[in-house]
């Protein structure tokens, strides 16, 4: 796997695809700079080698050139985090950019304008990719969040850098972390799959059945399994047409000696609100008009026991509607169990949208081994898919 350490960037221009697709508030201030922090070590390595860095990214989903999606809004935050001046050019191809690149000295950084101001970026246009490629000597992909997209700057561009392309530190860490869970793992391996729908996780479940020892099911998809097994789930979330699928998953898991752990009790409510009435009941005995929105205390104990004996842990999805305080206890208890197992030597990877948000909200970021920066990309890797942004670097 080609990485930054395979190159000396002295007097070279590194063309780095970063993922600076960060959230902005109404005043265009960055509200979560995680992705900028994540790219820092790659950029600094290039500068320390006495090379220069040309940064490419997208921001949001603009329709043509829209100022609200301009990367100029984030320049100050990037300077603050990197501790180095950052030049900005208000385009990403053309003569203006070529001039800015040619004037860049070793040790300097240039941020290009939003790639998605051009349709050609998303369509994977080869000419557009070639125009971008002219700005660098070595291509570095450090954008895991878009590695599952075959876009001009994430995949197609690599063709123009035979033997002069590599993964940045962030993308290399992402690949290594997922590999550590799925392939080079220490057993027992436990995967926690939460979220609303079985259908959105079926690809992951089928791919990991051969690689894990335990699967903990949580979140809304719990109730599709419970109903399929004959339980009463009241008005809890359910995929009526996926009950056969749920039963087939249980059957396949049993055949492969994988233990599937379902919640045994739930915090239920009579309305989808933090202020509604709640009680704790058996997951198979939820009364009509009530819905399960979190895992109960017996479930928390049961899951903690499984996690305590695990050496490798994947956490993908929360156990309840953690955004509401009264339904966050199951997810917090799970986080505590994973933090404790990690402190005792287990490797823990957190990845996929909502579980990352939960980890940040409840302060578990520094208590797990690795928090992934890519939601969709992470999910596709867990499904066993080959990502265009990764394969483009590996291909000669």
Protein backbone atom coordinates (compact mmCIF):
# COMPACT_ATOMS: atom_id res chain seq x y z
CA UNK A 1 0.00 0.00 0.00
CA UNK A 2 1.74 3.22 -1.16
CA UNK A 3 1.82 5.82 1.62
CA UNK A 4 3.34 9.25 2.25
CA UNK A 5 6.46 7.64 3.69
CA UNK A 6 7.28 6.19 0.27
CA UNK A 7 7.95 9.70 -1.08
CA UNK A 8 10.23 12.62 -0.36
CA UNK A 9 8.33 15.80 -1.24
CA UNK A 10 11.36 18.12 -1.31
CA UNK A 11 10.79 20.73 -4.05
CA UNK A 12 7.71 18.75 -5.16
CA UNK A 13 4.14 19.91 -5.44
CA UNK A 14 1.80 17.49 -3.66
CA UNK A 15 -1.71 17.56 -5.11
CA UNK A 16 -3.80 16.40 -2.15
CA UNK A 17 -7.47 15.43 -2.31
CA UNK A 18 -8.74 16.25 1.18
CA UNK A 19 -12.26 16.02 2.55
CA UNK A 20 -13.05 19.51 3.82
CA UNK A 21 -16.79 18.96 3.43
CA UNK A 22 -17.45 20.46 6.87
CA UNK A 23 -20.71 21.83 8.31
CA UNK A 24 -21.15 25.62 8.34
CA UNK A 25 -23.67 27.71 10.29
CA UNK A 26 -25.72 30.63 8.93
CA UNK A 27 -22.73 32.94 9.37
CA UNK A 28 -20.50 30.54 7.40
CA UNK A 29 -18.50 29.54 10.47
CA UNK A 30 -17.24 25.94 10.67
CA UNK A 31 -19.23 24.10 13.37
CA UNK A 32 -17.28 20.81 13.30
CA UNK A 33 -13.66 20.85 12.11
CA UNK A 34 -12.94 17.13 12.63
CA UNK A 35 -12.19 16.56 8.95
CA UNK A 36 -9.73 19.46 8.79
CA UNK A 37 -7.91 18.17 11.89
CA UNK A 38 -7.83 14.70 10.31
CA UNK A 39 -5.94 15.98 7.24
CA UNK A 40 -3.35 17.94 9.20
CA UNK A 41 -0.62 15.29 9.55
CA UNK A 42 -0.58 14.61 5.80
CA UNK A 43 -0.24 18.29 4.89
CA UNK A 44 2.43 18.93 7.55
CA UNK A 45 4.51 15.93 6.36
CA UNK A 46 4.68 17.48 2.86
CA UNK A 47 5.73 20.87 4.26
CA UNK A 48 8.34 19.32 6.57
CA UNK A 49 9.87 17.62 3.53
CA UNK A 50 10.12 21.14 2.06
CA UNK A 51 7.46 20.52 -0.54
CA UNK A 52 4.31 22.53 -1.26
CA UNK A 53 0.70 21.40 -0.92
CA UNK A 54 -2.18 22.06 -3.31
CA UNK A 55 -5.43 21.11 -1.59
CA UNK A 56 -8.56 20.02 -3.49
CA UNK A 57 -11.95 19.46 -1.87
CA UNK A 58 -15.68 19.76 -2.34
CA UNK A 59 -18.16 21.41 0.01
CA UNK A 60 -21.86 20.56 0.06
CA UNK A 61 -23.92 19.93 -3.05
CA UNK A 62 -23.80 23.12 -5.11
CA UNK A 63 -25.68 23.54 -8.37
CA UNK A 64 -23.02 25.37 -10.35
CA UNK A 65 -21.02 28.17 -8.72
CA UNK A 66 -22.83 29.18 -5.51
CA UNK A 67 -21.01 31.45 -3.05
CA UNK A 68 -22.59 29.77 0.00
CA UNK A 69 -20.57 26.67 -0.93
CA UNK A 70 -17.29 28.48 -1.55
CA UNK A 71 -14.27 27.07 0.26
CA UNK A 72 -13.14 30.64 0.98
CA UNK A 73 -15.45 30.46 4.02
CA UNK A 74 -13.20 27.83 5.64
CA UNK A 75 -9.75 29.34 4.89
CA UNK A 76 -9.42 31.02 8.31
CA UNK A 77 -10.32 27.78 10.11
CA UNK A 78 -7.79 25.81 8.02
CA UNK A 79 -5.07 28.37 8.88
CA UNK A 80 -6.01 28.17 12.57
CA UNK A 81 -5.76 24.37 12.63
CA UNK A 82 -2.65 23.95 10.48
CA UNK A 83 -0.81 26.87 12.06
CA UNK A 84 0.44 27.87 8.60
CA UNK A 85 -0.71 30.51 6.11
CA UNK A 86 -2.99 29.16 3.38
CA UNK A 87 -3.39 30.85 0.00
CA UNK A 88 -6.75 30.57 -1.77
CA UNK A 89 -7.66 30.74 -5.45
CA UNK A 90 -11.31 31.19 -6.45
CA UNK A 91 -11.30 28.46 -9.11
CA UNK A 92 -9.98 24.92 -9.37
CA UNK A 93 -8.98 24.74 -13.05
CA UNK A 94 -7.82 27.29 -15.64
CA UNK A 95 -5.08 29.88 -16.08
CA UNK A 96 -5.71 31.66 -12.78
CA UNK A 97 -5.09 28.40 -10.90
CA UNK A 98 -2.06 27.50 -13.04
CA UNK A 99 -0.52 30.89 -12.20
CA UNK A 100 -1.19 30.50 -8.44
CA UNK A 101 0.35 27.00 -8.52
CA UNK A 102 3.44 28.16 -10.44
CA UNK A 103 4.04 30.91 -7.86
CA UNK A 104 3.84 28.50 -4.92
CA UNK A 105 7.12 28.13 -3.02
CA UNK A 106 8.22 25.10 -0.97
CA UNK A 107 6.55 25.16 2.44
CA UNK A 108 3.43 26.91 1.11
CA UNK A 109 -0.20 25.75 0.84
CA UNK A 110 -2.75 26.61 -1.81
CA UNK A 111 -6.44 25.74 -1.40
CA UNK A 112 -8.42 25.46 -4.64
CA UNK A 113 -12.08 26.41 -4.95
CA UNK A 114 -14.90 23.85 -4.57
CA UNK A 115 -14.44 21.06 -7.13
CA UNK A 116 -18.19 20.51 -7.37
CA UNK A 117 -18.67 23.96 -8.90
CA UNK A 118 -17.96 21.92 -12.04
CA UNK A 119 -20.33 19.11 -13.07
CA UNK A 120 -17.30 17.30 -14.49
CA UNK A 121 -16.09 16.49 -10.97
CA UNK A 122 -19.04 14.25 -10.11
CA UNK A 123 -19.34 12.78 -13.59
CA UNK A 124 -15.72 11.63 -13.41
CA UNK A 125 -14.74 13.58 -16.53
CA UNK A 126 -11.30 12.56 -17.77
CA UNK A 127 -10.40 15.95 -19.27
CA UNK A 128 -11.28 17.71 -16.03
CA UNK A 129 -9.18 15.18 -14.08
CA UNK A 130 -6.27 15.79 -16.45
CA UNK A 131 -6.53 19.57 -15.95
CA UNK A 132 -6.34 19.05 -12.19
CA UNK A 133 -3.42 16.61 -12.56
CA UNK A 134 -1.28 19.31 -14.19
CA UNK A 135 -1.03 21.13 -10.85
CA UNK A 136 0.99 18.50 -8.97
CA UNK A 137 4.03 16.21 -9.14
CA UNK A 138 2.64 13.60 -6.75
CA UNK A 139 -1.05 12.81 -6.14
CA UNK A 140 -2.15 12.09 -2.57
CA UNK A 141 -5.66 10.87 -1.77
CA UNK A 142 -6.56 11.58 1.84
CA UNK A 143 -10.34 11.85 1.44
CA UNK A 144 -11.92 8.72 2.89
CA UNK A 145 -15.35 10.36 2.99
CA UNK A 146 -15.48 10.38 -0.83
CA UNK A 147 -13.40 7.25 -1.54
CA UNK A 148 -16.58 5.39 -2.56
CA UNK A 149 -17.22 7.89 -5.37
CA UNK A 150 -15.64 7.52 -8.82
CA UNK A 151 -15.23 11.29 -9.17
CA UNK A 152 -12.59 13.11 -11.21
CA UNK A 153 -10.50 14.17 -8.19
CA UNK A 154 -10.90 10.96 -6.16
CA UNK A 155 -10.36 8.21 -8.73
CA UNK A 156 -9.94 9.26 -12.38
CA UNK A 157 -7.05 11.66 -11.66
CA UNK A 158 -4.85 8.83 -10.36
CA UNK A 159 -4.42 7.54 -13.94
CA UNK A 160 -2.24 10.58 -14.65
CA UNK A 161 0.21 9.75 -11.84
CA UNK A 162 1.69 6.31 -12.58
CA UNK A 163 4.10 5.50 -9.71
CA UNK A 164 3.56 9.00 -8.27
CA UNK A 165 0.47 8.46 -6.14
CA UNK A 166 -0.19 7.40 -2.59
CA UNK A 167 -2.62 7.39 0.31
CA UNK A 168 -2.45 10.19 2.85
CA UNK A 169 -2.12 9.35 6.55
CA UNK A 170 -5.86 9.55 7.19
CA UNK A 171 -6.91 7.27 4.34
CA UNK A 172 -4.13 4.80 5.20
CA UNK A 173 -5.36 4.70 8.83
CA UNK A 174 -8.94 4.13 7.70
CA UNK A 175 -7.92 1.20 5.50
CA UNK A 176 -5.73 -0.28 8.26
CA UNK A 177 -8.50 0.07 10.88
CA UNK A 178 -11.15 -1.65 8.77
CA UNK A 179 -8.62 -4.32 7.82
CA UNK A 180 -7.88 -4.86 11.51
CA UNK A 181 -11.57 -5.52 12.16
CA UNK A 182 -12.42 -7.63 9.10
CA UNK A 183 -9.21 -9.47 8.24
CA UNK A 184 -6.24 -9.19 10.62
CA UNK A 185 -8.44 -9.40 13.69
CA UNK A 186 -7.85 -10.80 17.13
CA UNK A 187 -10.77 -12.96 18.28
CA UNK A 188 -13.39 -12.83 19.68
CA UNK A 189 -14.72 -10.21 17.24
CA UNK A 190 -17.97 -8.38 18.02
CA UNK A 191 -19.90 -6.16 15.61
CA UNK A 192 -22.57 -3.83 16.97
CA UNK A 193 -25.09 -2.91 14.29
CA UNK A 194 -27.66 -0.30 15.18
CA UNK A 195 -29.87 2.02 13.21
CA UNK A 196 -33.41 1.99 11.93
CA UNK A 197 -33.53 -0.53 9.10
CA UNK A 198 -32.38 -4.11 8.56
CA UNK A 199 -32.44 -3.42 4.82
CA UNK A 200 -29.68 -0.77 5.11
CA UNK A 201 -27.38 -3.18 6.99
CA UNK A 202 -28.06 -6.43 5.13
CA UNK A 203 -24.94 -6.05 2.95
CA UNK A 204 -22.78 -5.52 6.04
CA UNK A 205 -24.31 -8.47 7.92
CA UNK A 206 -23.82 -10.87 5.00
CA UNK A 207 -20.21 -9.78 4.50
CA UNK A 208 -19.16 -9.98 8.16
CA UNK A 209 -20.82 -13.29 9.10
CA UNK A 210 -17.64 -15.14 8.13
CA UNK A 211 -15.42 -12.74 10.06
CA UNK A 212 -17.07 -12.17 13.46
CA UNK A 213 -18.03 -14.21 16.50
CA UNK A 214 -20.80 -11.99 17.87
CA UNK A 215 -23.29 -9.56 16.33
CA UNK A 216 -25.17 -7.21 18.64
CA UNK A 217 -28.36 -5.83 17.06
CA UNK A 218 -29.74 -2.52 18.31
CA UNK A 219 -31.78 0.50 17.31
CA UNK A 220 -35.02 0.42 15.35
CA UNK A 221 -34.13 -2.72 13.40
CA UNK A 222 -34.37 -4.70 16.66
CA UNK A 223 -38.14 -4.82 16.28
CA UNK A 224 -38.14 -6.38 12.81
CA UNK A 225 -36.24 -9.31 14.37
CA UNK A 226 -38.44 -9.43 17.49
CA UNK A 227 -41.67 -9.42 15.46
CA UNK A 228 -40.30 -12.08 13.09
CA UNK A 229 -39.67 -14.24 16.18
CA UNK A 230 -43.28 -13.81 17.29
CA UNK A 231 -42.92 -10.98 19.82
CA UNK A 232 -45.42 -8.15 20.37
CA UNK A 233 -43.78 -4.83 19.46
CA UNK A 234 -46.69 -2.37 19.78
CA UNK A 235 -46.21 0.55 17.40
CA UNK A 236 -42.40 0.25 17.30
CA UNK A 237 -40.60 0.80 14.01
CA UNK A 238 -40.76 -2.33 11.85
CA UNK A 239 -40.03 -3.37 8.27
CA UNK A 240 -42.98 -5.68 7.65
CA UNK A 241 -41.52 -6.99 4.40
CA UNK A 242 -38.13 -7.83 5.94
CA UNK A 243 -39.19 -10.36 8.57
CA UNK A 244 -38.29 -13.37 6.42
CA UNK A 245 -34.94 -11.72 5.80
CA UNK A 246 -34.42 -11.29 9.56
CA UNK A 247 -35.15 -14.98 10.15
CA UNK A 248 -32.79 -16.01 7.34
CA UNK A 249 -30.01 -13.90 8.91
CA UNK A 250 -30.54 -15.67 12.25
CA UNK A 251 -30.44 -19.03 10.48
CA UNK A 252 -27.24 -18.21 8.54
CA UNK A 253 -25.56 -16.92 11.71
CA UNK A 254 -26.39 -20.11 13.58
CA UNK A 255 -24.96 -22.23 10.77
CA UNK A 256 -21.71 -20.25 10.98
CA UNK A 257 -21.57 -20.36 14.80
CA UNK A 258 -22.04 -16.60 15.05
CA UNK A 259 -24.01 -15.53 18.11
CA UNK A 260 -26.60 -12.84 17.45
CA UNK A 261 -27.59 -10.85 20.54
CA UNK A 262 -30.94 -9.04 20.50
CA UNK A 263 -32.14 -6.56 23.15
CA UNK A 264 -34.16 -8.34 25.86
CA UNK A 265 -35.82 -5.20 27.23
CA UNK A 266 -36.60 -1.72 25.95
CA UNK A 267 -37.46 1.76 27.14
CA UNK A 268 -40.88 2.33 25.60
CA UNK A 269 -42.96 5.47 25.20
CA UNK A 270 -46.49 6.39 24.15
CA UNK A 271 -45.29 9.21 21.88
CA UNK A 272 -42.12 10.16 19.97
CA UNK A 273 -41.04 12.87 22.39
CA UNK A 274 -38.49 13.30 25.17
CA UNK A 275 -41.28 14.39 27.52
CA UNK A 276 -43.63 11.46 26.84
CA UNK A 277 -44.47 8.73 29.36
CA UNK A 278 -41.90 5.93 29.52
CA UNK A 279 -41.53 2.48 31.02
CA UNK A 280 -39.15 -0.45 30.76
CA UNK A 281 -40.57 -3.72 29.45
CA UNK A 282 -39.55 -6.99 27.82
CA UNK A 283 -38.93 -6.43 24.07
CA UNK A 284 -41.41 -9.18 23.22
CA UNK A 285 -44.23 -7.64 25.28
CA UNK A 286 -44.65 -4.05 24.13
CA UNK A 287 -48.30 -2.97 24.48
CA UNK A 288 -50.32 -1.51 21.59
CA UNK A 289 -49.80 2.22 21.16
CA UNK A 290 -46.31 2.12 22.72
CA UNK A 291 -42.97 2.07 20.90
CA UNK A 292 -39.43 1.08 21.86
CA UNK A 293 -36.93 3.94 21.55
CA UNK A 294 -33.96 2.64 23.56
CA UNK A 295 -32.40 -0.53 24.97
CA UNK A 296 -33.29 -1.32 28.59
CA UNK A 297 -31.04 -1.94 31.60
CA UNK A 298 -30.96 -5.77 31.30
CA UNK A 299 -29.93 -5.40 27.66
CA UNK A 300 -27.14 -2.98 28.67
CA UNK A 301 -25.78 -5.60 31.11
CA UNK A 302 -26.11 -8.42 28.57
CA UNK A 303 -24.30 -6.45 25.85
CA UNK A 304 -21.59 -5.23 28.25
CA UNK A 305 -20.78 -8.87 29.12
CA UNK A 306 -20.31 -9.74 25.43
CA UNK A 307 -18.14 -6.67 24.83
CA UNK A 308 -16.00 -7.33 27.92
CA UNK A 309 -14.78 -10.64 26.45
CA UNK A 310 -14.17 -9.20 22.94
CA UNK A 311 -10.73 -8.41 21.55
CA UNK A 312 -11.95 -6.64 18.39
CA UNK A 313 -15.04 -4.40 18.31
CA UNK A 314 -16.86 -2.67 15.47
CA UNK A 315 -19.53 -0.15 16.43
CA UNK A 316 -21.84 0.87 13.61
CA UNK A 317 -25.07 2.50 14.78
CA UNK A 318 -26.61 3.57 18.11
CA UNK A 319 -28.92 1.47 20.32
CA UNK A 320 -31.64 4.09 20.64
CA UNK A 321 -32.81 7.59 19.79
CA UNK A 322 -29.84 9.06 21.67
CA UNK A 323 -30.58 12.60 20.46
CA UNK A 324 -33.35 12.64 23.11
CA UNK A 325 -31.91 12.45 26.63
CA UNK A 326 -34.49 9.97 27.97
CA UNK A 327 -33.58 7.50 25.20
CA UNK A 328 -29.79 7.88 25.29
CA UNK A 329 -28.94 5.62 28.24
CA UNK A 330 -28.56 2.42 26.18
CA UNK A 331 -26.12 4.05 23.78
CA UNK A 332 -24.14 5.63 26.63
CA UNK A 333 -23.93 2.29 28.49
CA UNK A 334 -22.70 0.65 25.28
CA UNK A 335 -20.08 3.40 24.85
CA UNK A 336 -18.89 2.87 28.43
CA UNK A 337 -18.57 -0.89 27.86
CA UNK A 338 -16.57 -0.35 24.65
CA UNK A 339 -14.35 2.25 26.37
CA UNK A 340 -13.63 -0.21 29.19
CA UNK A 341 -12.84 -3.06 26.79
CA UNK A 342 -10.52 -0.72 24.84
CA UNK A 343 -8.73 0.29 28.04
CA UNK A 344 -8.23 -3.44 28.66
CA UNK A 345 -6.53 -3.94 25.30
CA UNK A 346 -9.32 -4.49 22.77
CA UNK A 347 -9.24 -2.74 19.37
CA UNK A 348 -12.40 -0.70 18.79
CA UNK A 349 -13.48 0.95 15.54
CA UNK A 350 -16.43 3.32 15.43
CA UNK A 351 -17.81 4.08 12.00
CA UNK A 352 -20.95 5.13 10.21
CA UNK A 353 -22.87 8.35 10.72
CA UNK A 354 -24.95 8.19 13.86
CA UNK A 355 -22.56 6.17 16.00
CA UNK A 356 -19.82 8.74 15.25
CA UNK A 357 -22.21 11.53 16.30
CA UNK A 358 -23.01 9.63 19.52
CA UNK A 359 -19.32 9.08 20.30
CA UNK A 360 -18.67 12.81 19.93
CA UNK A 361 -21.74 13.86 21.89
CA UNK A 362 -20.97 11.64 24.90
CA UNK A 363 -17.20 12.14 24.97
CA UNK A 364 -16.02 8.68 23.86
CA UNK A 365 -13.77 9.95 21.04
CA UNK A 366 -10.55 9.46 23.00
CA UNK A 367 -11.72 6.24 24.65
CA UNK A 368 -11.98 4.09 21.51
CA UNK A 369 -9.16 3.02 19.18
CA UNK A 370 -10.34 4.75 16.02
CA UNK A 371 -13.29 6.89 14.88
CA UNK A 372 -13.85 6.74 11.12
CA UNK A 373 -14.38 9.94 9.14
CA UNK A 374 -16.48 8.41 6.37
CA UNK A 375 -20.09 7.25 6.68
CA UNK A 376 -21.01 5.91 3.23
CA UNK A 377 -17.43 4.88 2.43
CA UNK A 378 -17.16 2.98 5.71
CA UNK A 379 -20.45 1.17 5.07
CA UNK A 380 -19.37 0.11 1.57
CA UNK A 381 -16.06 -1.25 2.86
CA UNK A 382 -17.91 -3.20 5.55
CA UNK A 383 -20.10 -4.60 2.78
CA UNK A 384 -16.95 -5.92 1.13
CA UNK A 385 -17.09 -3.51 -1.81
CA UNK A 386 -13.96 -2.19 -3.50
CA UNK A 387 -13.89 1.60 -3.35
CA UNK A 388 -12.92 3.53 -6.53
CA UNK A 389 -10.73 6.01 -4.62
CA UNK A 390 -8.73 3.19 -3.05
CA UNK A 391 -8.39 0.94 -6.09
CA UNK A 392 -7.19 3.95 -8.15
CA UNK A 393 -4.15 4.33 -5.89
CA UNK A 394 -3.42 0.60 -5.81
CA UNK A 395 -3.56 0.20 -9.62
CA UNK A 396 -0.22 0.74 -11.34
